[in-house]
Amino acid sequence: MSDHVYKQIKLTGSSTKSIEDAVSTALSRASSTIKHMRWFQVVDTRGHIENGQIAHWQVTIEVGFTLEN
């Protein structure tokens, strides 16, 4: 197994459906420009309220990915 160097970034995804969908939205969008994503960690969860109801979820994640050699 070779040694790796990882970089971390923060992303915030949003969804009208669920927390999980907000995470998936962020990862899906990031995967179009970031290669070698390996892990994520949820660091913040919040929501937007309209008329007393949840309008959408906002989830901030840290994503780690390996740097290319």
PDB file of N, CA and C in Angstrom:
ATOM      1  N   MET A   1       0.840  -1.179   0.000  1.00  0.00           N
ATOM      2  CA  MET A   1       0.000   0.000   0.000  1.00  0.00           C
ATOM      3  C   MET A   1       0.885   1.242   0.000  1.00  0.00           C
ATOM      4  N   SER A   2       0.636   2.155  -0.909  1.00  0.00           N
ATOM      5  CA  SER A   2       1.450   3.361  -0.991  1.00  0.00           C
ATOM      6  C   SER A   2       0.919   4.433  -0.046  1.00  0.00           C
ATOM      7  N   ASP A   3       1.790   5.391   0.247  1.00  0.00           N
ATOM      8  CA  ASP A   3       1.388   6.515   1.090  1.00  0.00           C
ATOM      9  C   ASP A   3       0.546   7.483   0.277  1.00  0.00           C
ATOM     10  N   HIS A   4      -0.416   8.130   0.916  1.00  0.00           N
ATOM     11  CA  HIS A   4      -1.287   9.083   0.249  1.00  0.00           C
ATOM     12  C   HIS A   4      -1.218  10.428   0.954  1.00  0.00           C
ATOM     13  N   VAL A   5      -1.490  11.469   0.201  1.00  0.00           N
ATOM     14  CA  VAL A   5      -1.684  12.806   0.762  1.00  0.00           C
ATOM     15  C   VAL A   5      -3.124  13.180   0.451  1.00  0.00           C
ATOM     16  N   TYR A   6      -3.823  13.663   1.468  1.00  0.00           N
ATOM     17  CA  TYR A   6      -5.225  14.017   1.319  1.00  0.00           C
ATOM     18  C   TYR A   6      -5.408  15.526   1.430  1.00  0.00           C
ATOM     19  N   LYS A   7      -6.399  16.022   0.730  1.00  0.00           N
ATOM     20  CA  LYS A   7      -6.808  17.411   0.847  1.00  0.00           C
ATOM     21  C   LYS A   7      -8.248  17.392   1.317  1.00  0.00           C
ATOM     22  N   GLN A   8      -8.637  18.380   2.133  1.00  0.00           N
ATOM     23  CA  GLN A   8     -10.001  18.484   2.621  1.00  0.00           C
ATOM     24  C   GLN A   8     -10.619  19.787   2.130  1.00  0.00           C
ATOM     25  N   ILE A   9     -11.903  19.707   1.802  1.00  0.00           N
ATOM     26  CA  ILE A   9     -12.654  20.903   1.453  1.00  0.00           C
ATOM     27  C   ILE A   9     -14.009  20.826   2.158  1.00  0.00           C
ATOM     28  N   LYS A  10     -14.668  21.975   2.289  1.00  0.00           N
ATOM     29  CA  LYS A  10     -16.017  22.009   2.836  1.00  0.00           C
ATOM     30  C   LYS A  10     -16.995  22.295   1.716  1.00  0.00           C
ATOM     31  N   LEU A  11     -18.108  21.581   1.738  1.00  0.00           N
ATOM     32  CA  LEU A  11     -19.186  21.778   0.778  1.00  0.00           C
ATOM     33  C   LEU A  11     -20.491  21.895   1.546  1.00  0.00           C
ATOM     34  N   THR A  12     -21.427  22.663   1.018  1.00  0.00           N
ATOM     35  CA  THR A  12     -22.772  22.718   1.594  1.00  0.00           C
ATOM     36  C   THR A  12     -23.767  22.369   0.512  1.00  0.00           C
ATOM     37  N   GLY A  13     -24.526  21.301   0.747  1.00  0.00           N
ATOM     38  CA  GLY A  13     -25.569  20.883  -0.178  1.00  0.00           C
ATOM     39  C   GLY A  13     -26.925  21.221   0.397  1.00  0.00           C
ATOM     40  N   SER A  14     -27.900  21.398  -0.456  1.00  0.00           N
ATOM     41  CA  SER A  14     -29.250  21.670   0.025  1.00  0.00           C
ATOM     42  C   SER A  14     -30.248  20.770  -0.694  1.00  0.00           C
ATOM     43  N   SER A  15     -31.382  20.558  -0.033  1.00  0.00           N
ATOM     44  CA  SER A  15     -32.424  19.705  -0.596  1.00  0.00           C
ATOM     45  C   SER A  15     -33.758  20.032   0.054  1.00  0.00           C
ATOM     46  N   THR A  16     -34.810  19.936  -0.710  1.00  0.00           N
ATOM     47  CA  THR A  16     -36.154  20.088  -0.156  1.00  0.00           C
ATOM     48  C   THR A  16     -36.661  18.760   0.402  1.00  0.00           C
ATOM     49  N   LYS A  17     -35.936  17.656   0.124  1.00  0.00           N
ATOM     50  CA  LYS A  17     -36.405  16.322   0.506  1.00  0.00           C
ATOM     51  C   LYS A  17     -35.907  15.870   1.872  1.00  0.00           C
ATOM     52  N   SER A  18     -34.551  15.872   2.061  1.00  0.00           N
ATOM     53  CA  SER A  18     -33.999  15.289   3.283  1.00  0.00           C
ATOM     54  C   SER A  18     -32.543  15.701   3.487  1.00  0.00           C
ATOM     55  N   ILE A  19     -32.056  15.414   4.679  1.00  0.00           N
ATOM     56  CA  ILE A  19     -30.645  15.644   4.996  1.00  0.00           C
ATOM     57  C   ILE A  19     -29.765  14.781   4.097  1.00  0.00           C
ATOM     58  N   GLU A  20     -30.124  13.522   3.952  1.00  0.00           N
ATOM     59  CA  GLU A  20     -29.345  12.607   3.120  1.00  0.00           C
ATOM     60  C   GLU A  20     -29.285  13.079   1.674  1.00  0.00           C
ATOM     61  N   ASP A  21     -30.383  13.601   1.171  1.00  0.00           N
ATOM     62  CA  ASP A  21     -30.407  14.095  -0.202  1.00  0.00           C
ATOM     63  C   ASP A  21     -29.528  15.332  -0.349  1.00  0.00           C
ATOM     64  N   ALA A  22     -29.461  16.162   0.689  1.00  0.00           N
ATOM     65  CA  ALA A  22     -28.581  17.338   0.653  1.00  0.00           C
ATOM     66  C   ALA A  22     -27.116  16.908   0.555  1.00  0.00           C
ATOM     67  N   VAL A  23     -26.743  15.869   1.304  1.00  0.00           N
ATOM     68  CA  VAL A  23     -25.372  15.338   1.232  1.00  0.00           C
ATOM     69  C   VAL A  23     -25.113  14.769  -0.157  1.00  0.00           C
ATOM     70  N   SER A  24     -26.045  13.985  -0.660  1.00  0.00           N
ATOM     71  CA  SER A  24     -25.887  13.393  -1.992  1.00  0.00           C
ATOM     72  C   SER A  24     -25.769  14.459  -3.074  1.00  0.00           C
ATOM     73  N   THR A  25     -26.538  15.524  -2.944  1.00  0.00           N
ATOM     74  CA  THR A  25     -26.472  16.623  -3.904  1.00  0.00           C
ATOM     75  C   THR A  25     -25.080  17.245  -3.925  1.00  0.00           C
ATOM     76  N   ALA A  26     -24.520  17.501  -2.745  1.00  0.00           N
ATOM     77  CA  ALA A  26     -23.180  18.095  -2.660  1.00  0.00           C
ATOM     78  C   ALA A  26     -22.130  17.169  -3.261  1.00  0.00           C
ATOM     79  N   LEU A  27     -22.190  15.889  -2.911  1.00  0.00           N
ATOM     80  CA  LEU A  27     -21.193  14.938  -3.409  1.00  0.00           C
ATOM     81  C   LEU A  27     -21.325  14.720  -4.915  1.00  0.00           C
ATOM     82  N   SER A  28     -22.541  14.654  -5.394  1.00  0.00           N
ATOM     83  CA  SER A  28     -22.763  14.446  -6.820  1.00  0.00           C
ATOM     84  C   SER A  28     -22.213  15.606  -7.638  1.00  0.00           C
ATOM     85  N   ARG A  29     -22.504  16.809  -7.189  1.00  0.00           N
ATOM     86  CA  ARG A  29     -22.012  17.997  -7.910  1.00  0.00           C
ATOM     87  C   ARG A  29     -20.489  18.075  -7.851  1.00  0.00           C
ATOM     88  N   ALA A  30     -19.910  17.810  -6.689  1.00  0.00           N
ATOM     89  CA  ALA A  30     -18.450  17.877  -6.533  1.00  0.00           C
ATOM     90  C   ALA A  30     -17.749  16.823  -7.371  1.00  0.00           C
ATOM     91  N   SER A  31     -18.371  15.666  -7.550  1.00  0.00           N
ATOM     92  CA  SER A  31     -17.717  14.579  -8.278  1.00  0.00           C
ATOM     93  C   SER A  31     -17.474  14.921  -9.748  1.00  0.00           C
ATOM     94  N   SER A  32     -18.149  15.939 -10.257  1.00  0.00           N
ATOM     95  CA  SER A  32     -17.918  16.327 -11.654  1.00  0.00           C
ATOM     96  C   SER A  32     -16.600  17.085 -11.827  1.00  0.00           C
ATOM     97  N   THR A  33     -16.047  17.613 -10.731  1.00  0.00           N
ATOM     98  CA  THR A  33     -14.785  18.359 -10.840  1.00  0.00           C
ATOM     99  C   THR A  33     -13.685  17.871  -9.901  1.00  0.00           C
ATOM    100  N   ILE A  34     -14.030  17.085  -8.904  1.00  0.00           N
ATOM    101  CA  ILE A  34     -13.043  16.607  -7.931  1.00  0.00           C
ATOM    102  C   ILE A  34     -12.883  15.103  -8.093  1.00  0.00           C
ATOM    103  N   LYS A  35     -11.646  14.686  -8.329  1.00  0.00           N
ATOM    104  CA  LYS A  35     -11.357  13.259  -8.492  1.00  0.00           C
ATOM    105  C   LYS A  35     -10.893  12.658  -7.171  1.00  0.00           C
ATOM    106  N   HIS A  36     -11.057  11.378  -7.035  1.00  0.00           N
ATOM    107  CA  HIS A  36     -10.511  10.586  -5.931  1.00  0.00           C
ATOM    108  C   HIS A  36     -11.082  10.959  -4.568  1.00  0.00           C
ATOM    109  N   MET A  37     -12.372  11.320  -4.502  1.00  0.00           N
ATOM    110  CA  MET A  37     -12.990  11.570  -3.199  1.00  0.00           C
ATOM    111  C   MET A  37     -13.019  10.262  -2.425  1.00  0.00           C
ATOM    112  N   ARG A  38     -12.666  10.308  -1.148  1.00  0.00           N
ATOM    113  CA  ARG A  38     -12.548   9.091  -0.355  1.00  0.00           C
ATOM    114  C   ARG A  38     -13.487   9.047   0.849  1.00  0.00           C
ATOM    115  N   TRP A  39     -13.787  10.177   1.473  1.00  0.00           N
ATOM    116  CA  TRP A  39     -14.605  10.172   2.677  1.00  0.00           C
ATOM    117  C   TRP A  39     -15.289  11.519   2.849  1.00  0.00           C
ATOM    118  N   PHE A  40     -16.316  11.533   3.693  1.00  0.00           N
ATOM    119  CA  PHE A  40     -16.941  12.789   4.083  1.00  0.00           C
ATOM    120  C   PHE A  40     -17.361  12.712   5.543  1.00  0.00           C
ATOM    121  N   GLN A  41     -17.506  13.892   6.142  1.00  0.00           N
ATOM    122  CA  GLN A  41     -17.959  13.997   7.518  1.00  0.00           C
ATOM    123  C   GLN A  41     -18.940  15.153   7.594  1.00  0.00           C
ATOM    124  N   VAL A  42     -20.112  14.921   8.166  1.00  0.00           N
ATOM    125  CA  VAL A  42     -21.092  15.988   8.342  1.00  0.00           C
ATOM    126  C   VAL A  42     -20.621  16.881   9.479  1.00  0.00           C
ATOM    127  N   VAL A  43     -20.505  18.188   9.205  1.00  0.00           N
ATOM    128  CA  VAL A  43     -20.038  19.119  10.228  1.00  0.00           C
ATOM    129  C   VAL A  43     -21.105  20.112  10.664  1.00  0.00           C
ATOM    130  N   ASP A  44     -22.181  20.250   9.887  1.00  0.00           N
ATOM    131  CA  ASP A  44     -23.238  21.179  10.265  1.00  0.00           C
ATOM    132  C   ASP A  44     -24.526  20.809   9.536  1.00  0.00           C
ATOM    133  N   THR A  45     -25.624  20.889  10.226  1.00  0.00           N
ATOM    134  CA  THR A  45     -26.928  20.637   9.624  1.00  0.00           C
ATOM    135  C   THR A  45     -27.855  21.770  10.043  1.00  0.00           C
ATOM    136  N   ARG A  46     -28.528  22.336   9.078  1.00  0.00           N
ATOM    137  CA  ARG A  46     -29.475  23.402   9.372  1.00  0.00           C
ATOM    138  C   ARG A  46     -30.574  23.372   8.312  1.00  0.00           C
ATOM    139  N   GLY A  47     -31.585  24.170   8.514  1.00  0.00           N
ATOM    140  CA  GLY A  47     -32.678  24.207   7.561  1.00  0.00           C
ATOM    141  C   GLY A  47     -33.218  25.607   7.394  1.00  0.00           C
ATOM    142  N   HIS A  48     -33.975  25.775   6.341  1.00  0.00           N
ATOM    143  CA  HIS A  48     -34.626  27.044   6.027  1.00  0.00           C
ATOM    144  C   HIS A  48     -36.119  26.852   6.262  1.00  0.00           C
ATOM    145  N   ILE A  49     -36.736  27.801   6.949  1.00  0.00           N
ATOM    146  CA  ILE A  49     -38.148  27.691   7.301  1.00  0.00           C
ATOM    147  C   ILE A  49     -38.953  28.720   6.524  1.00  0.00           C
ATOM    148  N   GLU A  50     -40.055  28.263   5.949  1.00  0.00           N
ATOM    149  CA  GLU A  50     -41.013  29.156   5.297  1.00  0.00           C
ATOM    150  C   GLU A  50     -42.411  28.786   5.766  1.00  0.00           C
ATOM    151  N   ASN A  51     -43.154  29.770   6.229  1.00  0.00           N
ATOM    152  CA  ASN A  51     -44.535  29.559   6.692  1.00  0.00           C
ATOM    153  C   ASN A  51     -44.636  28.463   7.749  1.00  0.00           C
ATOM    154  N   GLY A  52     -43.651  28.418   8.644  1.00  0.00           N
ATOM    155  CA  GLY A  52     -43.672  27.452   9.736  1.00  0.00           C
ATOM    156  C   GLY A  52     -43.318  26.032   9.345  1.00  0.00           C
ATOM    157  N   GLN A  53     -42.883  25.826   8.110  1.00  0.00           N
ATOM    158  CA  GLN A  53     -42.537  24.493   7.620  1.00  0.00           C
ATOM    159  C   GLN A  53     -41.089  24.479   7.116  1.00  0.00           C
ATOM    160  N   ILE A  54     -40.502  23.292   7.082  1.00  0.00           N
ATOM    161  CA  ILE A  54     -39.154  23.146   6.535  1.00  0.00           C
ATOM    162  C   ILE A  54     -39.222  23.331   5.023  1.00  0.00           C
ATOM    163  N   ALA A  55     -38.530  24.363   4.534  1.00  0.00           N
ATOM    164  CA  ALA A  55     -38.503  24.614   3.085  1.00  0.00           C
ATOM    165  C   ALA A  55     -37.385  23.814   2.428  1.00  0.00           C
ATOM    166  N   HIS A  56     -36.222  23.768   3.073  1.00  0.00           N
ATOM    167  CA  HIS A  56     -35.149  22.913   2.590  1.00  0.00           C
ATOM    168  C   HIS A  56     -34.092  22.732   3.667  1.00  0.00           C
ATOM    169  N   TRP A  57     -33.353  21.651   3.515  1.00  0.00           N
ATOM    170  CA  TRP A  57     -32.243  21.306   4.401  1.00  0.00           C
ATOM    171  C   TRP A  57     -30.946  21.824   3.812  1.00  0.00           C
ATOM    172  N   GLN A  58     -30.036  22.221   4.688  1.00  0.00           N
ATOM    173  CA  GLN A  58     -28.686  22.624   4.286  1.00  0.00           C
ATOM    174  C   GLN A  58     -27.700  21.829   5.143  1.00  0.00           C
ATOM    175  N   VAL A  59     -26.826  21.082   4.500  1.00  0.00           N
ATOM    176  CA  VAL A  59     -25.874  20.238   5.219  1.00  0.00           C
ATOM    177  C   VAL A  59     -24.467  20.561   4.741  1.00  0.00           C
ATOM    178  N   THR A  60     -23.602  20.915   5.685  1.00  0.00           N
ATOM    179  CA  THR A  60     -22.199  21.183   5.376  1.00  0.00           C
ATOM    180  C   THR A  60     -21.385  19.942   5.710  1.00  0.00           C
ATOM    181  N   ILE A  61     -20.555  19.532   4.753  1.00  0.00           N
ATOM    182  CA  ILE A  61     -19.710  18.354   4.932  1.00  0.00           C
ATOM    183  C   ILE A  61     -18.261  18.724   4.626  1.00  0.00           C
ATOM    184  N   GLU A  62     -17.356  18.032   5.280  1.00  0.00           N
ATOM    185  CA  GLU A  62     -15.944  18.069   4.899  1.00  0.00           C
ATOM    186  C   GLU A  62     -15.695  16.839   4.036  1.00  0.00           C
ATOM    187  N   VAL A  63     -15.032  17.032   2.917  1.00  0.00           N
ATOM    188  CA  VAL A  63     -14.750  15.941   1.988  1.00  0.00           C
ATOM    189  C   VAL A  63     -13.245  15.798   1.853  1.00  0.00           C
ATOM    190  N   GLY A  64     -12.764  14.558   1.997  1.00  0.00           N
ATOM    191  CA  GLY A  64     -11.351  14.294   1.804  1.00  0.00           C
ATOM    192  C   GLY A  64     -11.125  13.562   0.494  1.00  0.00           C
ATOM    193  N   PHE A  65     -10.088  13.961  -0.194  1.00  0.00           N
ATOM    194  CA  PHE A  65      -9.740  13.287  -1.443  1.00  0.00           C
ATOM    195  C   PHE A  65      -8.231  13.197  -1.568  1.00  0.00           C
ATOM    196  N   THR A  66      -7.780  12.174  -2.286  1.00  0.00           N
ATOM    197  CA  THR A  66      -6.348  11.980  -2.462  1.00  0.00           C
ATOM    198  C   THR A  66      -5.848  12.874  -3.589  1.00  0.00           C
ATOM    199  N   LEU A  67      -4.653  13.395  -3.397  1.00  0.00           N
ATOM    200  CA  LEU A  67      -4.012  14.189  -4.432  1.00  0.00           C
ATOM    201  C   LEU A  67      -3.337  13.257  -5.432  1.00  0.00           C
ATOM    202  N   GLU A  68      -3.387  13.631  -6.684  1.00  0.00           N
ATOM    203  CA  GLU A  68      -2.740  12.821  -7.711  1.00  0.00           C
ATOM    204  C   GLU A  68      -1.242  12.929  -7.591  1.00  0.00           C
ATOM    205  N   ASN A  69      -0.552  11.860  -7.967  1.00  0.00           N
ATOM    206  CA  ASN A  69       0.919  11.846  -7.926  1.00  0.00           C
ATOM    207  C   ASN A  69       1.506  12.702  -9.000  1.00  0.00           C
TER     208      ASN A  69
END
